[in-house]
Amino acid sequence: QDVFEAFFAKNGQSVVDAARTIADVYRHDGRLFSMGNGGSSCDAAHVAVEFLHPITAGRPALTAIDLTCDSTMMTAIGNDVGFDHIFVRQILAQGRPGDGLIGISTSGNSANLVKAFRKAKEIGLRTIGLAGNTGGEMARIGLDHCLIIETDSIHRIQECHVAIYHILWDLVH
């Protein structure tokens, strides 16, 4: 619980700023893409579902695309050009200036997320990273927002990530 409280005490305004960025994506008819590996891929899927299928009455469905959900695409790319390219290839095909990309990594060092974020920035997507520990490479590549849970406990990082993307969803609406 201390990790959760420490994160929000230090980064509350950063969460609000990230929500503004996502809201701007939607205001300008953009789409939100999400990505992650392992447990973070489950979180990426959860982010997309929250925006696509809001359970709170009166809130609109907003376009969100989970880049982890197409196992055929991911295994084809992974087999043909390498696992590091599974997200960047999808961003190249689908991303357009003004869209948003949220990537979730407990270490912040997932090479496939970093490659996709770099390409997304080149194309003109808005970038939001959720990371843990020191933020890893995600903290160093100049994302629009990199929200870092400063602990090495994977469980506490993941718990905070869930709270963050629920708060982002709520603030965007």
N, C-alpha and C. Protein backbone atom coordinates (compact mmCIF):
# COMPACT_ATOMS: atom_id res chain seq x y z
N GLN A 1 0.82 -1.20 0.00
CA GLN A 1 0.00 0.00 0.00
C GLN A 1 0.86 1.26 0.00
N ASP A 2 2.02 1.20 0.64
CA ASP A 2 2.91 2.36 0.67
C ASP A 2 3.38 2.73 -0.74
N VAL A 3 3.61 1.73 -1.59
CA VAL A 3 4.05 1.98 -2.96
C VAL A 3 2.98 2.75 -3.71
N PHE A 4 1.74 2.32 -3.56
CA PHE A 4 0.60 2.96 -4.20
C PHE A 4 0.49 4.42 -3.77
N GLU A 5 0.50 4.65 -2.48
CA GLU A 5 0.37 6.00 -1.94
C GLU A 5 1.55 6.88 -2.35
N ALA A 6 2.76 6.31 -2.33
CA ALA A 6 3.95 7.08 -2.72
C ALA A 6 3.87 7.48 -4.19
N PHE A 7 3.42 6.55 -5.05
CA PHE A 7 3.32 6.88 -6.47
C PHE A 7 2.37 8.05 -6.68
N PHE A 8 1.16 7.96 -6.13
CA PHE A 8 0.17 9.00 -6.39
C PHE A 8 0.51 10.32 -5.71
N ALA A 9 1.19 10.28 -4.58
CA ALA A 9 1.63 11.52 -3.93
C ALA A 9 2.64 12.25 -4.81
N LYS A 10 3.52 11.50 -5.44
CA LYS A 10 4.56 12.09 -6.27
C LYS A 10 4.11 12.37 -7.69
N ASN A 11 3.18 11.56 -8.22
CA ASN A 11 2.87 11.59 -9.65
C ASN A 11 1.41 11.88 -10.00
N GLY A 12 0.65 12.35 -9.05
CA GLY A 12 -0.77 12.61 -9.31
C GLY A 12 -0.99 13.53 -10.51
N GLN A 13 -0.25 14.61 -10.58
CA GLN A 13 -0.40 15.55 -11.70
C GLN A 13 0.04 14.91 -13.01
N SER A 14 1.03 14.05 -12.98
CA SER A 14 1.48 13.37 -14.19
C SER A 14 0.40 12.44 -14.74
N VAL A 15 -0.36 11.82 -13.86
CA VAL A 15 -1.48 10.98 -14.29
C VAL A 15 -2.55 11.84 -14.95
N VAL A 16 -2.85 12.97 -14.35
CA VAL A 16 -3.83 13.90 -14.93
C VAL A 16 -3.34 14.38 -16.30
N ASP A 17 -2.06 14.69 -16.42
CA ASP A 17 -1.51 15.15 -17.70
C ASP A 17 -1.59 14.06 -18.76
N ALA A 18 -1.31 12.82 -18.38
CA ALA A 18 -1.42 11.70 -19.33
C ALA A 18 -2.87 11.52 -19.78
N ALA A 19 -3.81 11.68 -18.87
CA ALA A 19 -5.23 11.58 -19.22
C ALA A 19 -5.61 12.69 -20.20
N ARG A 20 -5.08 13.89 -20.00
CA ARG A 20 -5.34 14.99 -20.95
C ARG A 20 -4.82 14.64 -22.34
N THR A 21 -3.67 14.02 -22.39
CA THR A 21 -3.09 13.62 -23.67
C THR A 21 -4.01 12.62 -24.37
N ILE A 22 -4.48 11.62 -23.64
CA ILE A 22 -5.39 10.63 -24.23
C ILE A 22 -6.69 11.31 -24.67
N ALA A 23 -7.21 12.20 -23.84
CA ALA A 23 -8.44 12.91 -24.20
C ALA A 23 -8.23 13.72 -25.48
N ASP A 24 -7.07 14.34 -25.63
CA ASP A 24 -6.76 15.09 -26.85
C ASP A 24 -6.71 14.17 -28.07
N VAL A 25 -6.18 12.96 -27.89
CA VAL A 25 -6.18 11.99 -28.99
C VAL A 25 -7.61 11.76 -29.46
N TYR A 26 -8.50 11.52 -28.53
CA TYR A 26 -9.90 11.26 -28.88
C TYR A 26 -10.61 12.51 -29.42
N ARG A 27 -10.29 13.67 -28.85
CA ARG A 27 -10.90 14.91 -29.33
C ARG A 27 -10.58 15.18 -30.79
N HIS A 28 -9.42 14.70 -31.22
CA HIS A 28 -8.98 14.92 -32.60
C HIS A 28 -9.19 13.67 -33.46
N ASP A 29 -10.18 12.86 -33.07
CA ASP A 29 -10.59 11.68 -33.84
C ASP A 29 -9.49 10.63 -33.97
N GLY A 30 -8.61 10.57 -32.99
CA GLY A 30 -7.57 9.56 -32.98
C GLY A 30 -8.02 8.28 -32.30
N ARG A 31 -7.15 7.31 -32.35
CA ARG A 31 -7.39 6.01 -31.73
C ARG A 31 -6.28 5.73 -30.74
N LEU A 32 -6.59 4.89 -29.76
CA LEU A 32 -5.60 4.50 -28.76
C LEU A 32 -5.21 3.05 -29.00
N PHE A 33 -3.90 2.80 -29.10
CA PHE A 33 -3.36 1.45 -29.20
C PHE A 33 -2.75 1.09 -27.85
N SER A 34 -2.80 -0.21 -27.51
CA SER A 34 -2.19 -0.66 -26.26
C SER A 34 -1.32 -1.88 -26.52
N MET A 35 -0.28 -2.04 -25.68
CA MET A 35 0.65 -3.16 -25.86
C MET A 35 1.33 -3.50 -24.54
N GLY A 36 1.75 -4.75 -24.44
CA GLY A 36 2.49 -5.24 -23.28
C GLY A 36 2.83 -6.70 -23.49
N ASN A 37 3.67 -7.25 -22.64
CA ASN A 37 4.08 -8.65 -22.70
C ASN A 37 3.66 -9.38 -21.42
N GLY A 38 3.36 -10.66 -21.55
CA GLY A 38 3.03 -11.46 -20.37
C GLY A 38 1.84 -10.88 -19.62
N GLY A 39 1.99 -10.70 -18.31
CA GLY A 39 0.91 -10.11 -17.52
C GLY A 39 0.54 -8.72 -18.00
N SER A 40 1.51 -7.99 -18.50
CA SER A 40 1.24 -6.65 -19.03
C SER A 40 0.45 -6.70 -20.32
N SER A 41 0.50 -7.83 -21.05
CA SER A 41 -0.36 -7.96 -22.24
C SER A 41 -1.81 -8.08 -21.80
N CYS A 42 -2.04 -8.72 -20.65
CA CYS A 42 -3.40 -8.78 -20.10
C CYS A 42 -3.88 -7.37 -19.73
N ASP A 43 -2.98 -6.58 -19.17
CA ASP A 43 -3.32 -5.19 -18.85
C ASP A 43 -3.59 -4.39 -20.12
N ALA A 44 -2.81 -4.63 -21.17
CA ALA A 44 -3.03 -3.92 -22.44
C ALA A 44 -4.42 -4.25 -22.99
N ALA A 45 -4.80 -5.52 -22.89
CA ALA A 45 -6.14 -5.92 -23.34
C ALA A 45 -7.20 -5.25 -22.48
N HIS A 46 -6.95 -5.19 -21.19
CA HIS A 46 -7.90 -4.57 -20.26
C HIS A 46 -8.09 -3.08 -20.58
N VAL A 47 -7.01 -2.39 -20.89
CA VAL A 47 -7.10 -0.98 -21.27
C VAL A 47 -8.03 -0.82 -22.47
N ALA A 48 -7.80 -1.64 -23.51
CA ALA A 48 -8.62 -1.53 -24.72
C ALA A 48 -10.09 -1.80 -24.43
N VAL A 49 -10.36 -2.82 -23.64
CA VAL A 49 -11.76 -3.16 -23.31
C VAL A 49 -12.42 -2.02 -22.54
N GLU A 50 -11.70 -1.42 -21.61
CA GLU A 50 -12.29 -0.32 -20.82
C GLU A 50 -12.76 0.81 -21.73
N PHE A 51 -11.93 1.18 -22.72
CA PHE A 51 -12.30 2.29 -23.61
C PHE A 51 -13.36 1.88 -24.63
N LEU A 52 -13.27 0.66 -25.14
CA LEU A 52 -14.23 0.19 -26.14
C LEU A 52 -15.60 -0.13 -25.56
N HIS A 53 -15.61 -0.60 -24.34
CA HIS A 53 -16.85 -1.08 -23.73
C HIS A 53 -17.01 -0.50 -22.32
N PRO A 54 -17.29 0.80 -22.24
CA PRO A 54 -17.43 1.41 -20.91
C PRO A 54 -18.66 0.88 -20.19
N ILE A 55 -18.47 0.43 -18.96
CA ILE A 55 -19.60 -0.14 -18.22
C ILE A 55 -20.39 0.92 -17.45
N THR A 56 -19.87 2.12 -17.38
CA THR A 56 -20.58 3.20 -16.70
C THR A 56 -21.57 3.83 -17.68
N ALA A 57 -22.81 3.88 -17.28
CA ALA A 57 -23.86 4.42 -18.15
C ALA A 57 -23.53 5.84 -18.58
N GLY A 58 -23.80 6.13 -19.85
CA GLY A 58 -23.63 7.47 -20.37
C GLY A 58 -22.24 7.79 -20.88
N ARG A 59 -21.32 6.87 -20.72
CA ARG A 59 -19.96 7.11 -21.22
C ARG A 59 -19.82 6.47 -22.60
N PRO A 60 -19.26 7.20 -23.54
CA PRO A 60 -19.19 6.68 -24.92
C PRO A 60 -18.09 5.63 -25.09
N ALA A 61 -18.32 4.74 -26.03
CA ALA A 61 -17.27 3.80 -26.44
C ALA A 61 -16.25 4.59 -27.26
N LEU A 62 -14.98 4.37 -26.97
CA LEU A 62 -13.90 5.07 -27.66
C LEU A 62 -12.99 4.03 -28.31
N THR A 63 -12.52 4.32 -29.50
CA THR A 63 -11.71 3.36 -30.24
C THR A 63 -10.39 3.08 -29.52
N ALA A 64 -10.18 1.82 -29.21
CA ALA A 64 -8.93 1.36 -28.59
C ALA A 64 -8.59 0.00 -29.19
N ILE A 65 -7.36 -0.16 -29.59
CA ILE A 65 -6.93 -1.36 -30.30
C ILE A 65 -5.81 -2.03 -29.51
N ASP A 66 -6.06 -3.25 -29.08
CA ASP A 66 -5.10 -4.04 -28.32
C ASP A 66 -4.16 -4.74 -29.29
N LEU A 67 -2.91 -4.34 -29.34
CA LEU A 67 -1.94 -4.93 -30.26
C LEU A 67 -1.48 -6.32 -29.83
N THR A 68 -1.93 -6.79 -28.67
CA THR A 68 -1.53 -8.12 -28.20
C THR A 68 -2.56 -9.20 -28.53
N CYS A 69 -3.71 -8.82 -29.08
CA CYS A 69 -4.81 -9.78 -29.18
C CYS A 69 -4.76 -10.69 -30.39
N ASP A 70 -3.99 -10.37 -31.41
CA ASP A 70 -3.98 -11.17 -32.64
C ASP A 70 -2.77 -12.11 -32.61
N SER A 71 -2.98 -13.33 -32.09
CA SER A 71 -1.86 -14.27 -31.95
C SER A 71 -1.30 -14.68 -33.31
N THR A 72 -2.14 -14.73 -34.33
CA THR A 72 -1.64 -15.08 -35.66
C THR A 72 -0.67 -14.02 -36.15
N MET A 73 -1.04 -12.76 -36.00
CA MET A 73 -0.16 -11.66 -36.41
C MET A 73 1.14 -11.68 -35.61
N MET A 74 1.01 -11.82 -34.31
CA MET A 74 2.20 -11.78 -33.45
C MET A 74 3.16 -12.92 -33.76
N THR A 75 2.63 -14.14 -33.97
CA THR A 75 3.52 -15.26 -34.25
C THR A 75 4.11 -15.17 -35.65
N ALA A 76 3.36 -14.64 -36.60
CA ALA A 76 3.91 -14.46 -37.95
C ALA A 76 5.07 -13.47 -37.93
N ILE A 77 4.87 -12.33 -37.30
CA ILE A 77 5.92 -11.32 -37.22
C ILE A 77 7.11 -11.86 -36.42
N GLY A 78 6.81 -12.48 -35.28
CA GLY A 78 7.87 -13.04 -34.44
C GLY A 78 8.70 -14.07 -35.19
N ASN A 79 8.05 -14.92 -35.95
CA ASN A 79 8.75 -15.95 -36.72
C ASN A 79 9.52 -15.36 -37.88
N ASP A 80 8.91 -14.43 -38.60
CA ASP A 80 9.51 -13.92 -39.84
C ASP A 80 10.61 -12.89 -39.61
N VAL A 81 10.41 -11.98 -38.66
CA VAL A 81 11.40 -10.91 -38.47
C VAL A 81 11.88 -10.76 -37.03
N GLY A 82 11.25 -11.42 -36.10
CA GLY A 82 11.69 -11.39 -34.71
C GLY A 82 10.67 -10.79 -33.76
N PHE A 83 10.70 -11.31 -32.55
CA PHE A 83 9.75 -10.90 -31.51
C PHE A 83 9.84 -9.40 -31.20
N ASP A 84 11.01 -8.82 -31.37
CA ASP A 84 11.18 -7.38 -31.11
C ASP A 84 10.33 -6.51 -32.03
N HIS A 85 9.80 -7.09 -33.10
CA HIS A 85 9.06 -6.33 -34.11
C HIS A 85 7.54 -6.50 -34.03
N ILE A 86 7.03 -7.29 -33.07
CA ILE A 86 5.60 -7.63 -33.08
C ILE A 86 4.69 -6.41 -32.93
N PHE A 87 5.14 -5.39 -32.24
CA PHE A 87 4.31 -4.20 -32.07
C PHE A 87 4.64 -3.12 -33.10
N VAL A 88 5.93 -2.96 -33.42
CA VAL A 88 6.32 -1.91 -34.36
C VAL A 88 5.69 -2.16 -35.73
N ARG A 89 5.63 -3.41 -36.18
CA ARG A 89 5.02 -3.71 -37.48
C ARG A 89 3.53 -3.33 -37.49
N GLN A 90 2.85 -3.57 -36.38
CA GLN A 90 1.44 -3.21 -36.31
C GLN A 90 1.25 -1.70 -36.28
N ILE A 91 2.14 -0.99 -35.59
CA ILE A 91 2.08 0.48 -35.56
C ILE A 91 2.35 1.04 -36.95
N LEU A 92 3.31 0.47 -37.65
CA LEU A 92 3.60 0.91 -39.02
C LEU A 92 2.37 0.75 -39.92
N ALA A 93 1.66 -0.34 -39.75
CA ALA A 93 0.50 -0.62 -40.61
C ALA A 93 -0.73 0.19 -40.21
N GLN A 94 -0.93 0.42 -38.92
CA GLN A 94 -2.19 1.00 -38.46
C GLN A 94 -2.09 2.40 -37.87
N GLY A 95 -0.94 2.76 -37.33
CA GLY A 95 -0.81 4.04 -36.64
C GLY A 95 -0.79 5.21 -37.60
N ARG A 96 -1.37 6.31 -37.15
CA ARG A 96 -1.33 7.54 -37.95
C ARG A 96 -1.14 8.72 -37.00
N PRO A 97 -0.59 9.80 -37.51
CA PRO A 97 -0.36 10.96 -36.65
C PRO A 97 -1.62 11.32 -35.87
N GLY A 98 -1.43 11.61 -34.59
CA GLY A 98 -2.55 11.98 -33.74
C GLY A 98 -3.13 10.83 -32.94
N ASP A 99 -2.79 9.59 -33.29
CA ASP A 99 -3.22 8.45 -32.49
C ASP A 99 -2.41 8.42 -31.20
N GLY A 100 -2.78 7.54 -30.29
CA GLY A 100 -2.06 7.37 -29.04
C GLY A 100 -1.60 5.93 -28.88
N LEU A 101 -0.51 5.75 -28.15
CA LEU A 101 0.02 4.41 -27.85
C LEU A 101 0.35 4.34 -26.38
N ILE A 102 -0.26 3.38 -25.70
CA ILE A 102 0.07 3.13 -24.30
C ILE A 102 0.75 1.78 -24.21
N GLY A 103 1.90 1.75 -23.58
CA GLY A 103 2.66 0.52 -23.41
C GLY A 103 2.92 0.27 -21.94
N ILE A 104 2.78 -1.00 -21.55
CA ILE A 104 2.88 -1.38 -20.14
C ILE A 104 4.01 -2.40 -20.00
N SER A 105 4.96 -2.11 -19.10
CA SER A 105 6.10 -2.99 -18.86
C SER A 105 6.55 -2.82 -17.42
N THR A 106 6.62 -3.90 -16.68
CA THR A 106 7.04 -3.78 -15.28
C THR A 106 8.50 -3.35 -15.17
N SER A 107 9.33 -3.70 -16.16
CA SER A 107 10.74 -3.30 -16.13
C SER A 107 11.00 -2.01 -16.88
N GLY A 108 10.18 -1.75 -17.91
CA GLY A 108 10.43 -0.61 -18.79
C GLY A 108 11.48 -0.92 -19.85
N ASN A 109 11.94 -2.16 -19.89
CA ASN A 109 13.02 -2.53 -20.80
C ASN A 109 12.59 -3.48 -21.92
N SER A 110 11.33 -3.67 -22.15
CA SER A 110 10.87 -4.59 -23.19
C SER A 110 11.25 -4.03 -24.56
N ALA A 111 12.15 -4.74 -25.24
CA ALA A 111 12.67 -4.24 -26.52
C ALA A 111 11.56 -4.02 -27.54
N ASN A 112 10.55 -4.89 -27.55
CA ASN A 112 9.49 -4.73 -28.54
C ASN A 112 8.64 -3.49 -28.25
N LEU A 113 8.44 -3.13 -27.00
CA LEU A 113 7.73 -1.90 -26.67
C LEU A 113 8.57 -0.68 -27.03
N VAL A 114 9.85 -0.72 -26.70
CA VAL A 114 10.74 0.41 -26.97
C VAL A 114 10.79 0.68 -28.48
N LYS A 115 10.93 -0.36 -29.29
CA LYS A 115 10.95 -0.19 -30.75
C LYS A 115 9.63 0.43 -31.24
N ALA A 116 8.53 -0.06 -30.73
CA ALA A 116 7.23 0.46 -31.14
C ALA A 116 7.06 1.91 -30.71
N PHE A 117 7.48 2.25 -29.49
CA PHE A 117 7.40 3.63 -29.03
C PHE A 117 8.25 4.55 -29.91
N ARG A 118 9.45 4.12 -30.24
CA ARG A 118 10.31 4.96 -31.10
C ARG A 118 9.66 5.22 -32.45
N LYS A 119 9.10 4.17 -33.05
CA LYS A 119 8.45 4.33 -34.35
C LYS A 119 7.20 5.19 -34.20
N ALA A 120 6.44 4.98 -33.15
CA ALA A 120 5.23 5.77 -32.91
C ALA A 120 5.56 7.26 -32.82
N LYS A 121 6.65 7.59 -32.12
CA LYS A 121 7.07 8.99 -32.01
C LYS A 121 7.44 9.55 -33.38
N GLU A 122 8.12 8.76 -34.21
CA GLU A 122 8.48 9.20 -35.57
C GLU A 122 7.24 9.49 -36.40
N ILE A 123 6.24 8.65 -36.26
CA ILE A 123 5.01 8.78 -37.05
C ILE A 123 4.15 9.95 -36.55
N GLY A 124 4.25 10.26 -35.25
CA GLY A 124 3.46 11.34 -34.68
C GLY A 124 2.38 10.88 -33.74
N LEU A 125 2.53 9.68 -33.16
CA LEU A 125 1.59 9.22 -32.15
C LEU A 125 1.98 9.81 -30.80
N ARG A 126 1.01 9.98 -29.93
CA ARG A 126 1.25 10.39 -28.55
C ARG A 126 1.58 9.13 -27.76
N THR A 127 2.56 9.21 -26.87
CA THR A 127 3.07 8.01 -26.21
C THR A 127 2.96 8.10 -24.69
N ILE A 128 2.42 7.02 -24.12
CA ILE A 128 2.25 6.92 -22.67
C ILE A 128 2.79 5.57 -22.23
N GLY A 129 3.78 5.59 -21.35
CA GLY A 129 4.34 4.35 -20.82
C GLY A 129 4.00 4.18 -19.35
N LEU A 130 3.71 2.95 -18.97
CA LEU A 130 3.56 2.57 -17.57
C LEU A 130 4.67 1.58 -17.28
N ALA A 131 5.55 1.92 -16.35
CA ALA A 131 6.72 1.09 -16.07
C ALA A 131 6.92 0.95 -14.57
N GLY A 132 7.91 0.17 -14.21
CA GLY A 132 8.25 -0.02 -12.81
C GLY A 132 9.72 0.22 -12.57
N ASN A 133 10.11 0.06 -11.31
CA ASN A 133 11.48 0.20 -10.86
C ASN A 133 12.02 1.59 -11.22
N THR A 134 12.97 1.71 -12.16
CA THR A 134 13.49 3.02 -12.55
C THR A 134 12.90 3.50 -13.88
N GLY A 135 12.03 2.69 -14.47
CA GLY A 135 11.44 3.04 -15.76
C GLY A 135 12.20 2.48 -16.93
N GLY A 136 13.42 2.00 -16.68
CA GLY A 136 14.21 1.36 -17.72
C GLY A 136 14.38 2.23 -18.96
N GLU A 137 14.48 1.57 -20.09
CA GLU A 137 14.68 2.26 -21.38
C GLU A 137 13.48 3.15 -21.72
N MET A 138 12.29 2.75 -21.30
CA MET A 138 11.10 3.57 -21.58
C MET A 138 11.24 4.97 -20.99
N ALA A 139 11.89 5.06 -19.84
CA ALA A 139 12.07 6.37 -19.19
C ALA A 139 13.09 7.23 -19.91
N ARG A 140 13.92 6.61 -20.76
CA ARG A 140 15.02 7.35 -21.40
C ARG A 140 14.74 7.75 -22.85
N ILE A 141 13.64 7.30 -23.43
CA ILE A 141 13.45 7.54 -24.87
C ILE A 141 12.55 8.73 -25.19
N GLY A 142 12.16 9.48 -24.18
CA GLY A 142 11.42 10.71 -24.44
C GLY A 142 9.95 10.51 -24.75
N LEU A 143 9.29 9.61 -24.03
CA LEU A 143 7.84 9.45 -24.20
C LEU A 143 7.14 10.73 -23.77
N ASP A 144 5.94 10.93 -24.26
CA ASP A 144 5.16 12.08 -23.79
C ASP A 144 4.93 11.98 -22.28
N HIS A 145 4.65 10.75 -21.84
CA HIS A 145 4.44 10.50 -20.41
C HIS A 145 4.98 9.11 -20.08
N CYS A 146 5.76 9.01 -19.03
CA CYS A 146 6.22 7.71 -18.53
C CYS A 146 5.94 7.68 -17.03
N LEU A 147 4.94 6.91 -16.67
CA LEU A 147 4.50 6.82 -15.28
C LEU A 147 5.20 5.62 -14.64
N ILE A 148 6.06 5.89 -13.69
CA ILE A 148 6.96 4.87 -13.14
C ILE A 148 6.60 4.57 -11.69
N ILE A 149 6.37 3.28 -11.42
CA ILE A 149 6.15 2.80 -10.05
C ILE A 149 7.52 2.43 -9.50
N GLU A 150 8.02 3.19 -8.55
CA GLU A 150 9.40 3.04 -8.09
C GLU A 150 9.52 1.95 -7.02
N THR A 151 9.45 0.70 -7.49
CA THR A 151 9.69 -0.46 -6.65
C THR A 151 10.14 -1.60 -7.55
N ASP A 152 10.79 -2.58 -6.96
CA ASP A 152 11.18 -3.76 -7.74
C ASP A 152 10.19 -4.91 -7.53
N SER A 153 9.11 -4.67 -6.81
CA SER A 153 8.08 -5.69 -6.60
C SER A 153 7.13 -5.72 -7.80
N ILE A 154 7.22 -6.79 -8.58
CA ILE A 154 6.36 -6.93 -9.76
C ILE A 154 4.89 -6.82 -9.36
N HIS A 155 4.52 -7.43 -8.25
CA HIS A 155 3.11 -7.41 -7.82
C HIS A 155 2.63 -5.99 -7.52
N ARG A 156 3.44 -5.21 -6.79
CA ARG A 156 3.03 -3.83 -6.48
C ARG A 156 2.99 -2.98 -7.75
N ILE A 157 3.93 -3.21 -8.67
CA ILE A 157 3.94 -2.47 -9.94
C ILE A 157 2.65 -2.76 -10.69
N GLN A 158 2.31 -4.04 -10.83
CA GLN A 158 1.11 -4.41 -11.58
C GLN A 158 -0.16 -3.88 -10.92
N GLU A 159 -0.22 -3.92 -9.60
CA GLU A 159 -1.40 -3.38 -8.90
C GLU A 159 -1.55 -1.88 -9.17
N CYS A 160 -0.45 -1.16 -9.15
CA CYS A 160 -0.50 0.27 -9.43
C CYS A 160 -0.87 0.54 -10.88
N HIS A 161 -0.35 -0.26 -11.80
CA HIS A 161 -0.70 -0.08 -13.21
C HIS A 161 -2.21 -0.21 -13.43
N VAL A 162 -2.82 -1.20 -12.80
CA VAL A 162 -4.28 -1.36 -12.93
C VAL A 162 -5.00 -0.11 -12.44
N ALA A 163 -4.61 0.38 -11.29
CA ALA A 163 -5.24 1.59 -10.75
C ALA A 163 -5.03 2.78 -11.70
N ILE A 164 -3.82 2.91 -12.23
CA ILE A 164 -3.52 4.04 -13.11
C ILE A 164 -4.39 4.01 -14.35
N TYR A 165 -4.48 2.86 -15.03
CA TYR A 165 -5.26 2.90 -16.27
C TYR A 165 -6.75 3.01 -16.02
N HIS A 166 -7.22 2.58 -14.86
CA HIS A 166 -8.63 2.85 -14.53
C HIS A 166 -8.84 4.34 -14.28
N ILE A 167 -7.91 4.97 -13.61
CA ILE A 167 -8.01 6.41 -13.37
C ILE A 167 -7.89 7.17 -14.69
N LEU A 168 -6.97 6.77 -15.56
CA LEU A 168 -6.86 7.41 -16.86
C LEU A 168 -8.18 7.34 -17.61
N TRP A 169 -8.78 6.16 -17.63
CA TRP A 169 -10.06 5.95 -18.30
C TRP A 169 -11.12 6.91 -17.72
N ASP A 170 -11.19 6.96 -16.41
CA ASP A 170 -12.20 7.80 -15.75
C ASP A 170 -11.96 9.28 -16.06
N LEU A 171 -10.72 9.73 -15.99
CA LEU A 171 -10.42 11.13 -16.27
C LEU A 171 -10.68 11.48 -17.74
N VAL A 172 -10.36 10.58 -18.64
CA VAL A 172 -10.60 10.85 -20.06
C VAL A 172 -12.08 11.09 -20.30
N HIS A 173 -12.92 10.31 -19.68
CA HIS A 173 -14.36 10.50 -19.85
C HIS A 173 -14.85 11.74 -19.12
